[in-house]
Protein backbone atom coordinates (compact mmCIF):
# COMPACT_ATOMS: atom_id res chain seq x y z
CA MET A 1 22.74 -55.25 19.23
CA TYR A 2 19.36 -56.50 20.29
CA PRO A 3 19.10 -59.82 22.15
CA ILE A 4 16.72 -61.33 19.61
CA ALA A 5 18.42 -60.01 16.49
CA TRP A 6 20.08 -63.39 15.77
CA ASN A 7 16.63 -64.98 15.89
CA VAL A 8 15.14 -62.48 13.42
CA ALA A 9 18.00 -63.00 10.99
CA ARG A 10 17.56 -66.83 11.23
CA VAL A 11 13.83 -66.58 10.31
CA PHE A 12 14.58 -64.57 7.23
CA ARG A 13 17.36 -66.96 6.16
CA LYS A 14 15.06 -69.98 6.36
CA ASN A 15 12.11 -68.27 4.60
CA PRO A 16 13.48 -66.11 1.74
CA ALA A 17 9.97 -65.02 0.65
CA LEU A 18 9.29 -63.76 4.15
CA GLY A 19 12.58 -61.92 4.09
CA LEU A 20 11.70 -60.27 0.77
CA MET A 21 8.30 -59.25 2.11
CA GLY A 22 9.89 -57.88 5.29
CA LEU A 23 12.36 -55.92 3.20
CA LEU A 24 9.60 -54.49 1.04
CA LEU A 25 7.46 -53.56 4.03
CA THR A 26 10.26 -51.87 5.89
CA GLY A 27 11.53 -50.16 2.75
CA CYS A 28 8.11 -48.67 2.05
CA TRP A 29 7.54 -47.52 5.56
CA ALA A 30 7.37 -43.74 5.87
CA ASP A 31 6.36 -41.31 8.51
CA PRO A 32 2.93 -39.81 7.93
CA VAL A 33 3.13 -36.67 5.85
CA ALA A 34 2.35 -33.56 7.81
CA PRO A 35 -0.58 -31.67 6.31
CA ARG A 36 0.55 -28.80 4.15
CA SER A 37 -0.20 -25.35 5.38
CA PRO A 38 -2.55 -23.55 3.05
CA ALA A 39 -0.88 -21.51 0.37
CA PRO A 40 -0.76 -17.81 1.12
CA PRO A 41 -3.48 -15.91 -0.67
CA ALA A 42 -2.47 -14.59 -4.04
CA ARG A 43 -1.61 -10.93 -3.97
CA PRO A 44 -3.81 -8.91 -6.25
CA VAL A 45 -2.01 -7.32 -9.12
CA VAL A 46 -2.25 -3.57 -8.72
CA VAL A 47 -2.10 -1.73 -11.99
CA GLN A 48 -1.18 1.91 -11.57
CA PRO A 49 -3.16 4.23 -13.80
CA PRO A 50 -1.11 6.18 -16.32
CA GLU A 51 0.12 9.66 -15.51
CA VAL A 52 -1.06 12.70 -17.44
CA MET A 53 1.43 14.29 -19.85
CA ALA A 54 1.33 17.83 -18.41
CA SER A 55 -0.75 20.00 -16.09
CA GLU A 56 -1.05 23.68 -15.19
CA PHE A 57 -2.90 25.64 -12.52
CA GLY A 58 -3.21 29.39 -12.25
CA THR A 59 -5.12 32.53 -13.15
CA VAL A 60 -7.37 32.58 -16.21
CA ASN A 61 -7.86 35.60 -18.46
CA GLU A 62 -11.00 36.59 -20.42
CA ASP A 63 -9.93 34.38 -23.35
CA GLY A 64 -9.71 31.28 -21.09
CA VAL A 65 -5.91 31.13 -21.15
CA VAL A 66 -4.36 29.64 -17.98
CA THR A 67 -1.29 31.48 -16.71
CA PRO A 68 0.53 29.30 -14.17
CA ALA A 69 0.62 30.89 -10.72
CA ALA A 70 1.27 29.80 -7.14
CA GLU A 71 -0.58 32.88 -5.78
CA ILE A 72 -4.10 33.76 -6.84
CA PRO A 73 -5.67 37.13 -5.90
CA LEU A 74 -8.96 36.93 -4.02
CA ARG A 75 -10.82 39.52 -6.12
CA ASP A 76 -14.55 39.00 -6.54
CA GLY A 77 -15.15 37.45 -9.94
CA SER A 78 -11.50 36.81 -10.79
CA LEU A 79 -10.96 33.49 -12.57
CA PHE A 80 -8.62 30.61 -11.85
CA GLY A 81 -8.43 27.10 -13.19
CA TRP A 82 -6.44 24.20 -14.48
CA ARG A 83 -5.65 22.37 -17.68
CA ILE A 84 -4.35 18.85 -18.20
CA LYS A 85 -2.72 17.28 -21.27
CA LEU A 86 -3.70 13.65 -21.88
CA PRO A 87 -1.89 11.21 -24.20
CA ARG A 88 -5.25 10.30 -25.71
CA CYS A 89 -8.74 11.55 -25.05
CA GLU A 90 -12.27 11.31 -26.26
CA GLN A 91 -14.41 14.33 -27.08
CA VAL A 92 -15.72 14.51 -23.50
CA VAL A 93 -13.77 13.11 -20.55
CA ASP A 94 -15.35 12.23 -17.17
CA ILE A 95 -13.75 14.12 -14.29
CA ARG A 96 -14.23 14.61 -10.56
CA GLU A 97 -12.83 17.73 -8.87
CA GLU A 98 -12.34 18.08 -5.13
CA LEU A 99 -11.72 21.68 -4.08
CA GLN A 100 -10.71 22.06 -0.44
CA LEU A 101 -10.53 25.51 1.15
CA PRO A 102 -8.77 26.53 4.39
CA GLY A 103 -12.08 27.85 5.78
CA VAL A 104 -15.79 27.99 5.02
CA GLY A 105 -16.47 28.68 1.36
CA ASP A 106 -19.21 30.75 -0.28
CA TRP A 107 -20.50 27.97 -2.54
CA ASP A 108 -23.06 28.50 -5.24
CA PRO A 109 -24.39 24.93 -5.51
CA SER A 110 -24.91 23.63 -9.01
CA GLU A 111 -25.84 20.36 -10.66
CA GLY A 112 -23.29 17.65 -9.94
CA MET A 113 -21.82 19.49 -6.91
CA VAL A 114 -21.74 18.08 -3.39
CA ILE A 115 -20.69 20.38 -0.54
CA SER A 116 -19.23 18.96 2.68
CA LYS A 117 -21.00 19.53 6.00
CA ASP A 118 -18.21 21.85 7.18
CA ARG A 119 -18.62 23.81 3.89
CA GLN A 120 -14.86 23.68 3.23
CA THR A 121 -14.89 21.12 0.41
CA ALA A 122 -16.85 20.88 -2.82
CA ILE A 123 -16.86 17.79 -5.03
CA VAL A 124 -17.97 18.25 -8.61
CA HIS A 125 -18.65 15.47 -11.13
CA SER A 126 -18.72 16.67 -14.71
CA GLY A 127 -17.33 16.23 -18.19
CA ALA A 128 -14.52 18.22 -19.77
CA GLU A 129 -14.22 18.72 -23.51
CA CYS A 130 -10.95 17.64 -25.06
CA HIS A 131 -9.23 20.06 -27.48
CA ASP A 132 -5.91 18.98 -28.99
CA GLY A 133 -5.38 16.59 -26.06
CA TRP A 134 -6.09 19.24 -23.39
CA ILE A 135 -8.98 19.35 -20.93
CA ALA A 136 -9.62 22.35 -18.66
CA LYS A 137 -11.97 23.80 -16.04
CA ILE A 138 -12.42 27.34 -14.76
CA TRP A 139 -13.58 28.49 -11.32
CA SER A 140 -14.35 32.01 -10.06
CA VAL A 141 -13.55 33.70 -6.78
CA ALA A 142 -16.33 35.00 -4.50
CA THR A 143 -15.92 37.96 -2.15
CA SER A 144 -16.26 35.85 0.99
CA ASP A 145 -13.86 33.07 -0.05
CA PRO A 146 -11.22 32.45 2.64
CA PRO A 147 -7.57 33.37 2.11
CA GLY A 148 -4.90 30.70 2.50
CA GLU A 149 -3.85 27.50 0.77
CA TRP A 150 -6.44 25.90 -1.48
CA VAL A 151 -6.02 22.31 -2.70
CA LEU A 152 -7.67 21.02 -5.85
CA ARG A 153 -7.56 17.32 -6.78
CA VAL A 154 -8.63 16.43 -10.29
CA HIS A 155 -9.53 12.81 -10.98
CA VAL A 156 -9.61 12.14 -14.72
CA LYS A 157 -11.25 8.82 -15.53
CA GLY A 158 -8.52 6.29 -16.35
CA TYR A 159 -5.60 8.42 -15.10
CA ALA A 160 -3.77 9.04 -11.85
CA PRO A 161 -5.21 12.01 -9.92
CA VAL A 162 -3.54 15.39 -10.29
CA THR A 163 -3.23 17.62 -7.20
CA PHE A 164 -2.83 21.38 -7.43
CA SER A 165 -2.32 23.80 -4.56
CA ALA A 166 -2.05 27.57 -4.48
CA THR A 167 -2.17 30.36 -1.96
CA PHE A 168 -5.16 32.67 -2.38
CA THR A 169 -4.31 36.14 -1.10
CA PRO A 170 -6.52 39.15 -0.53
CA PRO A 171 -5.70 42.00 -2.89
CA PRO A 172 -3.67 44.83 -1.41
CA PRO A 173 -5.78 47.66 0.04
CA ALA A 174 -6.48 50.47 -2.39
CA ALA A 175 -4.13 53.41 -1.97
CA SER A 176 -5.84 56.48 -0.55
CA PRO A 177 -5.32 59.79 -2.38
């Protein structure tokens, strides 16, 4: 109990209006509101591009048919490539291919091709024609291409990238008679 509490109570009893005002003032009293911390930034919504329906990588015959293979022979002029099945596609689809070799490549620069400074990677921007939902590209082997694991990433506009890898092996030495 405070020594002057009886005096405060007496003032409010004699002046009821003052008591009501005192009650209202003390009832409305509140500690100052602490400033709110800023809301965390909204996380951007990341929409994953759709996956392709199917893909194949391997050797290619004279008719352009891809035969899936994990080993590709390094014979001058032999063909290899990929094909990708899309759920829907236009007549021509924009693609970007990144072919990375285990060593320096023997590149024959063409339109739309950028070769890295270390000459191990080629990036090609082009279009691929769509036939029955499939797009495809064919590459050829050069005599001086390095053996080892080659990695090819195909970026089809509007789809998740597809990565292929295969081991390119020198052909066996010719048997001597």
